[in-house]
Amino acid sequence: MTENESVAYVFSQSVCALIELEGMKAENKDRESRQESLAYTEDNFLELERKFCIGYNDIIKVFKDARG
C-alpha cells in the first residue's frame, strides 16, 4: 500500500466509524426520549476505535507498513 493509499484507508475507516457513532448516538437519543434504557454505553463508543483500527498505534502501523 502506498502512502496515498494509506491516507485513503485511514480516512475511510474514520468515516465508517463516524457514521456508526452517529447512528449509535441517534439510537440512544431516541431511547432516551422514550425513557428507555440506552442501547450503547461508553464502552461501546470506545470499541469503535478497535473495530475500525483507528487508534494511534494502528495508524502508525499503517504508515510504517506503507514506507516499507
N, C-alpha and C. Protein backbone atom coordinates (compact mmCIF):
# COMPACT_ATOMS: atom_id res chain seq x y z
N MET A 1 0.86 -1.17 0.00
CA MET A 1 0.00 0.00 0.00
C MET A 1 0.91 1.24 0.00
N THR A 2 0.61 2.17 -0.90
CA THR A 2 1.39 3.40 -0.94
C THR A 2 0.97 4.33 0.19
N GLU A 3 1.73 5.40 0.36
CA GLU A 3 1.38 6.35 1.41
C GLU A 3 0.02 7.00 1.12
N ASN A 4 -0.25 7.32 -0.14
CA ASN A 4 -1.55 7.89 -0.50
C ASN A 4 -2.69 6.91 -0.23
N GLU A 5 -2.47 5.66 -0.54
CA GLU A 5 -3.48 4.64 -0.26
C GLU A 5 -3.68 4.49 1.24
N SER A 6 -2.62 4.64 2.01
CA SER A 6 -2.72 4.58 3.47
C SER A 6 -3.58 5.72 4.01
N VAL A 7 -3.38 6.90 3.46
CA VAL A 7 -4.19 8.05 3.86
C VAL A 7 -5.66 7.79 3.55
N ALA A 8 -5.92 7.29 2.35
CA ALA A 8 -7.30 6.99 1.95
C ALA A 8 -7.91 5.93 2.86
N TYR A 9 -7.13 4.91 3.20
CA TYR A 9 -7.61 3.84 4.07
C TYR A 9 -7.98 4.38 5.45
N VAL A 10 -7.06 5.14 6.05
CA VAL A 10 -7.31 5.68 7.39
C VAL A 10 -8.52 6.62 7.35
N PHE A 11 -8.60 7.43 6.32
CA PHE A 11 -9.73 8.35 6.19
C PHE A 11 -11.04 7.58 6.07
N SER A 12 -11.07 6.55 5.23
CA SER A 12 -12.31 5.79 5.03
C SER A 12 -12.72 5.06 6.30
N GLN A 13 -11.75 4.53 7.03
CA GLN A 13 -12.07 3.86 8.29
C GLN A 13 -12.62 4.86 9.30
N SER A 14 -12.07 6.06 9.31
CA SER A 14 -12.55 7.10 10.22
C SER A 14 -13.98 7.51 9.88
N VAL A 15 -14.27 7.62 8.60
CA VAL A 15 -15.62 7.97 8.17
C VAL A 15 -16.61 6.86 8.56
N CYS A 16 -16.21 5.61 8.37
CA CYS A 16 -17.08 4.49 8.76
C CYS A 16 -17.36 4.53 10.26
N ALA A 17 -16.33 4.79 11.04
CA ALA A 17 -16.51 4.88 12.50
C ALA A 17 -17.44 6.02 12.86
N LEU A 18 -17.29 7.15 12.19
CA LEU A 18 -18.14 8.31 12.46
C LEU A 18 -19.60 8.03 12.11
N ILE A 19 -19.82 7.36 11.00
CA ILE A 19 -21.19 7.00 10.62
C ILE A 19 -21.82 6.11 11.68
N GLU A 20 -21.08 5.11 12.11
CA GLU A 20 -21.62 4.21 13.15
C GLU A 20 -21.82 4.95 14.46
N LEU A 21 -20.90 5.82 14.82
CA LEU A 21 -21.01 6.62 16.04
C LEU A 21 -22.29 7.45 16.03
N GLU A 22 -22.55 8.11 14.90
CA GLU A 22 -23.74 8.96 14.81
C GLU A 22 -25.03 8.12 14.90
N GLY A 23 -25.01 6.93 14.33
CA GLY A 23 -26.16 6.03 14.46
C GLY A 23 -26.38 5.60 15.89
N MET A 24 -25.30 5.32 16.58
CA MET A 24 -25.38 4.93 17.99
C MET A 24 -25.93 6.08 18.84
N LYS A 25 -25.45 7.29 18.56
CA LYS A 25 -25.93 8.46 19.30
C LYS A 25 -27.42 8.68 19.05
N ALA A 26 -27.84 8.52 17.79
CA ALA A 26 -29.25 8.71 17.44
C ALA A 26 -30.13 7.68 18.15
N GLU A 27 -29.67 6.44 18.17
CA GLU A 27 -30.44 5.39 18.85
C GLU A 27 -30.56 5.70 20.34
N ASN A 28 -29.46 6.12 20.96
CA ASN A 28 -29.52 6.46 22.38
C ASN A 28 -30.46 7.63 22.62
N LYS A 29 -30.41 8.64 21.77
CA LYS A 29 -31.28 9.81 21.93
C LYS A 29 -32.75 9.40 21.76
N ASP A 30 -33.03 8.53 20.80
CA ASP A 30 -34.40 8.04 20.60
C ASP A 30 -34.89 7.28 21.83
N ARG A 31 -34.05 6.41 22.34
CA ARG A 31 -34.45 5.65 23.53
C ARG A 31 -34.62 6.55 24.74
N GLU A 32 -33.76 7.54 24.85
CA GLU A 32 -33.85 8.48 25.96
C GLU A 32 -35.18 9.24 25.92
N SER A 33 -35.60 9.62 24.72
CA SER A 33 -36.86 10.36 24.57
C SER A 33 -38.07 9.49 24.95
N ARG A 34 -37.92 8.18 24.83
CA ARG A 34 -38.99 7.25 25.22
C ARG A 34 -38.80 6.73 26.64
N GLN A 35 -37.82 7.31 27.34
CA GLN A 35 -37.48 6.94 28.71
C GLN A 35 -37.14 5.46 28.86
N GLU A 36 -36.44 4.93 27.86
CA GLU A 36 -35.95 3.55 27.89
C GLU A 36 -34.47 3.57 28.21
N SER A 37 -33.94 2.41 28.59
CA SER A 37 -32.51 2.35 28.86
C SER A 37 -31.74 2.53 27.55
N LEU A 38 -30.55 3.10 27.67
CA LEU A 38 -29.74 3.38 26.49
C LEU A 38 -29.23 2.09 25.85
N ALA A 39 -29.12 2.09 24.55
CA ALA A 39 -28.66 0.91 23.81
C ALA A 39 -27.14 0.80 23.87
N TYR A 40 -26.45 1.95 23.94
CA TYR A 40 -24.99 1.96 23.85
C TYR A 40 -24.38 2.68 25.06
N THR A 41 -23.34 2.09 25.58
CA THR A 41 -22.64 2.66 26.73
C THR A 41 -21.32 3.26 26.26
N GLU A 42 -20.61 3.86 27.17
CA GLU A 42 -19.30 4.44 26.85
C GLU A 42 -18.37 3.39 26.25
N ASP A 43 -18.41 2.18 26.80
CA ASP A 43 -17.56 1.10 26.27
C ASP A 43 -17.86 0.81 24.80
N ASN A 44 -19.13 0.85 24.43
CA ASN A 44 -19.50 0.62 23.03
C ASN A 44 -18.92 1.70 22.12
N PHE A 45 -18.92 2.92 22.59
CA PHE A 45 -18.36 4.02 21.80
C PHE A 45 -16.85 3.88 21.69
N LEU A 46 -16.20 3.52 22.78
CA LEU A 46 -14.75 3.35 22.76
C LEU A 46 -14.33 2.16 21.90
N GLU A 47 -15.19 1.18 21.77
CA GLU A 47 -14.90 -0.02 20.98
C GLU A 47 -14.77 0.30 19.48
N LEU A 48 -15.36 1.40 19.05
CA LEU A 48 -15.27 1.78 17.63
C LEU A 48 -13.82 1.96 17.19
N GLU A 49 -12.99 2.48 18.06
CA GLU A 49 -11.57 2.67 17.74
C GLU A 49 -10.92 1.34 17.38
N ARG A 50 -11.23 0.31 18.15
CA ARG A 50 -10.66 -1.01 17.89
C ARG A 50 -11.28 -1.63 16.65
N LYS A 51 -12.59 -1.53 16.54
CA LYS A 51 -13.30 -2.15 15.43
C LYS A 51 -12.82 -1.64 14.07
N PHE A 52 -12.55 -0.35 13.99
CA PHE A 52 -12.14 0.25 12.72
C PHE A 52 -10.64 0.50 12.64
N CYS A 53 -9.89 0.01 13.63
CA CYS A 53 -8.42 0.12 13.63
C CYS A 53 -7.95 1.56 13.40
N ILE A 54 -8.49 2.46 14.20
CA ILE A 54 -8.13 3.86 14.04
C ILE A 54 -7.47 4.44 15.29
N GLY A 55 -6.97 3.57 16.14
CA GLY A 55 -6.21 4.04 17.29
C GLY A 55 -4.84 4.53 16.84
N TYR A 56 -4.18 5.26 17.69
CA TYR A 56 -2.86 5.82 17.36
C TYR A 56 -1.91 4.76 16.83
N ASN A 57 -1.74 3.67 17.57
CA ASN A 57 -0.80 2.62 17.16
C ASN A 57 -1.21 1.96 15.84
N ASP A 58 -2.51 1.81 15.63
CA ASP A 58 -2.99 1.24 14.37
C ASP A 58 -2.59 2.12 13.18
N ILE A 59 -2.78 3.40 13.33
CA ILE A 59 -2.48 4.33 12.24
C ILE A 59 -0.98 4.41 11.99
N ILE A 60 -0.19 4.44 13.05
CA ILE A 60 1.27 4.45 12.89
C ILE A 60 1.73 3.21 12.13
N LYS A 61 1.13 2.06 12.44
CA LYS A 61 1.50 0.81 11.77
C LYS A 61 1.17 0.88 10.27
N VAL A 62 0.01 1.43 9.94
CA VAL A 62 -0.38 1.55 8.53
C VAL A 62 0.66 2.35 7.76
N PHE A 63 1.11 3.47 8.34
CA PHE A 63 2.07 4.32 7.63
C PHE A 63 3.47 3.74 7.63
N LYS A 64 3.84 3.05 8.68
CA LYS A 64 5.15 2.37 8.68
C LYS A 64 5.17 1.28 7.61
N ASP A 65 4.09 0.53 7.52
CA ASP A 65 4.00 -0.52 6.51
C ASP A 65 4.06 0.07 5.09
N ALA A 66 3.47 1.23 4.91
CA ALA A 66 3.47 1.87 3.59
C ALA A 66 4.88 2.31 3.19
N ARG A 67 5.68 2.66 4.16
CA ARG A 67 7.05 3.11 3.86
C ARG A 67 8.01 1.95 3.66
N GLY A 68 7.56 0.77 4.09
CA GLY A 68 8.38 -0.43 3.88
C GLY A 68 9.29 -0.77 4.96
